[in-house]
Amino acid sequence: MKPISEVKNNGFELRMPSLIRFLTVCGVLAGVIFGSLYVLAEYFEPDTKEISKPVRNIKVR
């Protein structure tokens, strides 16, 4: 059995078109990025702390 890259059908190679391949790769990358952001948002909470900084040229009554 030949690899898919060598199989020919009436003189045309049966390959995945470059647009479909590009969209598939973009979709997989977007899924990985979305999944990693979801995991970071759900499982890692930032430490809450109070910050106070003086503001120049403002008078408090």
N, C-alpha and C. Protein backbone atom coordinates (compact mmCIF):
# COMPACT_ATOMS: atom_id res chain seq x y z
N MET A 1 0.85 -1.18 0.00
CA MET A 1 0.00 0.00 0.00
C MET A 1 0.89 1.24 0.00
N LYS A 2 0.58 2.18 -0.88
CA LYS A 2 1.40 3.39 -1.01
C LYS A 2 0.95 4.45 -0.01
N PRO A 3 1.88 5.31 0.40
CA PRO A 3 1.47 6.45 1.23
C PRO A 3 0.52 7.36 0.45
N ILE A 4 -0.28 8.12 1.17
CA ILE A 4 -1.28 8.99 0.53
C ILE A 4 -0.62 9.98 -0.42
N SER A 5 0.60 10.43 -0.08
CA SER A 5 1.25 11.42 -0.94
C SER A 5 1.61 10.84 -2.31
N GLU A 6 1.69 9.50 -2.43
CA GLU A 6 2.05 8.89 -3.70
C GLU A 6 0.83 8.37 -4.47
N VAL A 7 -0.34 8.32 -3.87
CA VAL A 7 -1.53 7.81 -4.54
C VAL A 7 -2.01 8.85 -5.53
N LYS A 8 -2.28 8.42 -6.76
CA LYS A 8 -2.75 9.35 -7.78
C LYS A 8 -4.09 8.88 -8.32
N ASN A 9 -4.94 9.84 -8.65
CA ASN A 9 -6.26 9.54 -9.19
C ASN A 9 -6.39 10.31 -10.49
N ASN A 10 -6.30 9.63 -11.61
CA ASN A 10 -6.38 10.24 -12.94
C ASN A 10 -5.34 11.34 -13.13
N GLY A 11 -4.15 11.12 -12.63
CA GLY A 11 -3.08 12.10 -12.82
C GLY A 11 -3.02 13.18 -11.76
N PHE A 12 -3.98 13.25 -10.87
CA PHE A 12 -3.98 14.25 -9.80
C PHE A 12 -3.63 13.58 -8.47
N GLU A 13 -2.78 14.23 -7.71
CA GLU A 13 -2.45 13.68 -6.40
C GLU A 13 -3.59 13.95 -5.43
N LEU A 14 -3.86 12.99 -4.58
CA LEU A 14 -4.88 13.17 -3.54
C LEU A 14 -4.18 13.71 -2.29
N ARG A 15 -4.22 15.01 -2.13
CA ARG A 15 -3.60 15.64 -0.96
C ARG A 15 -4.60 16.59 -0.33
N MET A 16 -4.32 16.96 0.90
CA MET A 16 -5.17 17.95 1.55
C MET A 16 -4.85 19.31 0.96
N PRO A 17 -5.85 20.07 0.52
CA PRO A 17 -5.59 21.40 -0.04
C PRO A 17 -4.94 22.31 1.00
N SER A 18 -4.13 23.23 0.51
CA SER A 18 -3.37 24.07 1.43
C SER A 18 -4.27 24.97 2.27
N LEU A 19 -5.42 25.42 1.74
CA LEU A 19 -6.32 26.26 2.53
C LEU A 19 -6.92 25.46 3.68
N ILE A 20 -7.36 24.24 3.40
CA ILE A 20 -7.93 23.40 4.45
C ILE A 20 -6.88 23.08 5.50
N ARG A 21 -5.67 22.78 5.05
CA ARG A 21 -4.58 22.50 5.99
C ARG A 21 -4.29 23.71 6.86
N PHE A 22 -4.25 24.90 6.25
CA PHE A 22 -4.00 26.14 6.99
C PHE A 22 -5.10 26.39 8.02
N LEU A 23 -6.36 26.24 7.61
CA LEU A 23 -7.46 26.45 8.54
C LEU A 23 -7.46 25.42 9.67
N THR A 24 -7.08 24.20 9.36
CA THR A 24 -6.99 23.17 10.39
C THR A 24 -5.91 23.50 11.41
N VAL A 25 -4.75 23.91 10.93
CA VAL A 25 -3.65 24.27 11.84
C VAL A 25 -4.04 25.48 12.68
N CYS A 26 -4.67 26.48 12.07
CA CYS A 26 -5.12 27.66 12.83
C CYS A 26 -6.16 27.28 13.88
N GLY A 27 -7.07 26.40 13.53
CA GLY A 27 -8.09 25.95 14.48
C GLY A 27 -7.49 25.19 15.65
N VAL A 28 -6.53 24.33 15.37
CA VAL A 28 -5.88 23.57 16.45
C VAL A 28 -5.11 24.51 17.36
N LEU A 29 -4.37 25.45 16.78
CA LEU A 29 -3.63 26.42 17.60
C LEU A 29 -4.57 27.28 18.43
N ALA A 30 -5.66 27.73 17.85
CA ALA A 30 -6.63 28.53 18.61
C ALA A 30 -7.23 27.72 19.74
N GLY A 31 -7.51 26.45 19.50
CA GLY A 31 -8.04 25.59 20.56
C GLY A 31 -7.06 25.39 21.70
N VAL A 32 -5.79 25.21 21.37
CA VAL A 32 -4.77 25.05 22.41
C VAL A 32 -4.64 26.33 23.22
N ILE A 33 -4.62 27.47 22.55
CA ILE A 33 -4.50 28.75 23.25
C ILE A 33 -5.73 28.99 24.13
N PHE A 34 -6.92 28.77 23.58
CA PHE A 34 -8.15 28.97 24.35
C PHE A 34 -8.18 28.03 25.55
N GLY A 35 -7.81 26.79 25.35
CA GLY A 35 -7.80 25.83 26.45
C GLY A 35 -6.82 26.19 27.55
N SER A 36 -5.64 26.65 27.17
CA SER A 36 -4.65 27.03 28.19
C SER A 36 -5.10 28.28 28.95
N LEU A 37 -5.72 29.24 28.26
CA LEU A 37 -6.24 30.42 28.95
C LEU A 37 -7.38 30.04 29.90
N TYR A 38 -8.22 29.11 29.50
CA TYR A 38 -9.31 28.66 30.36
C TYR A 38 -8.76 28.00 31.62
N VAL A 39 -7.76 27.14 31.46
CA VAL A 39 -7.16 26.47 32.61
C VAL A 39 -6.52 27.49 33.55
N LEU A 40 -5.81 28.46 32.99
CA LEU A 40 -5.20 29.49 33.83
C LEU A 40 -6.25 30.30 34.58
N ALA A 41 -7.36 30.62 33.94
CA ALA A 41 -8.40 31.42 34.59
C ALA A 41 -9.16 30.63 35.66
N GLU A 42 -9.34 29.34 35.45
CA GLU A 42 -10.14 28.54 36.39
C GLU A 42 -9.34 28.02 37.58
N TYR A 43 -8.09 27.67 37.39
CA TYR A 43 -7.35 26.97 38.43
C TYR A 43 -6.32 27.82 39.15
N PHE A 44 -6.00 28.99 38.67
CA PHE A 44 -4.99 29.83 39.31
C PHE A 44 -5.60 31.18 39.64
N GLU A 45 -5.80 31.45 40.95
CA GLU A 45 -6.35 32.72 41.40
C GLU A 45 -5.21 33.63 41.85
N PRO A 46 -5.24 34.90 41.46
CA PRO A 46 -4.20 35.82 41.92
C PRO A 46 -4.41 36.17 43.39
N ASP A 47 -3.32 36.49 44.08
CA ASP A 47 -3.42 36.93 45.46
C ASP A 47 -3.96 38.35 45.49
N THR A 48 -4.97 38.58 46.35
CA THR A 48 -5.53 39.92 46.45
C THR A 48 -4.78 40.69 47.52
N LYS A 49 -4.43 41.92 47.23
CA LYS A 49 -3.76 42.78 48.21
C LYS A 49 -4.16 44.22 47.93
N GLU A 50 -4.11 45.00 48.98
CA GLU A 50 -4.51 46.40 48.87
C GLU A 50 -3.29 47.24 48.53
N ILE A 51 -3.46 48.14 47.59
CA ILE A 51 -2.38 49.02 47.17
C ILE A 51 -2.83 50.46 47.39
N SER A 52 -1.98 51.24 48.05
CA SER A 52 -2.29 52.66 48.21
C SER A 52 -1.08 53.47 47.77
N LYS A 53 -1.32 54.44 46.91
CA LYS A 53 -0.26 55.30 46.42
C LYS A 53 -0.70 56.75 46.58
N PRO A 54 0.21 57.61 46.98
CA PRO A 54 -0.15 59.03 47.06
C PRO A 54 -0.30 59.63 45.66
N VAL A 55 -1.30 60.51 45.52
CA VAL A 55 -1.54 61.17 44.25
C VAL A 55 -1.11 62.63 44.39
N ARG A 56 -0.28 63.09 43.50
CA ARG A 56 0.23 64.46 43.57
C ARG A 56 -0.85 65.48 43.21
N ASN A 57 -0.74 66.65 43.79
CA ASN A 57 -1.59 67.80 43.49
C ASN A 57 -3.07 67.57 43.76
N ILE A 58 -3.40 66.64 44.64
CA ILE A 58 -4.79 66.40 45.02
C ILE A 58 -4.90 66.60 46.53
N LYS A 59 -5.85 67.45 46.93
CA LYS A 59 -6.06 67.69 48.35
C LYS A 59 -7.29 66.91 48.80
N VAL A 60 -7.14 66.19 49.89
CA VAL A 60 -8.25 65.43 50.46
C VAL A 60 -8.92 66.31 51.51
N ARG A 61 -10.22 66.44 51.46
CA ARG A 61 -10.93 67.30 52.41
C ARG A 61 -11.11 66.63 53.73
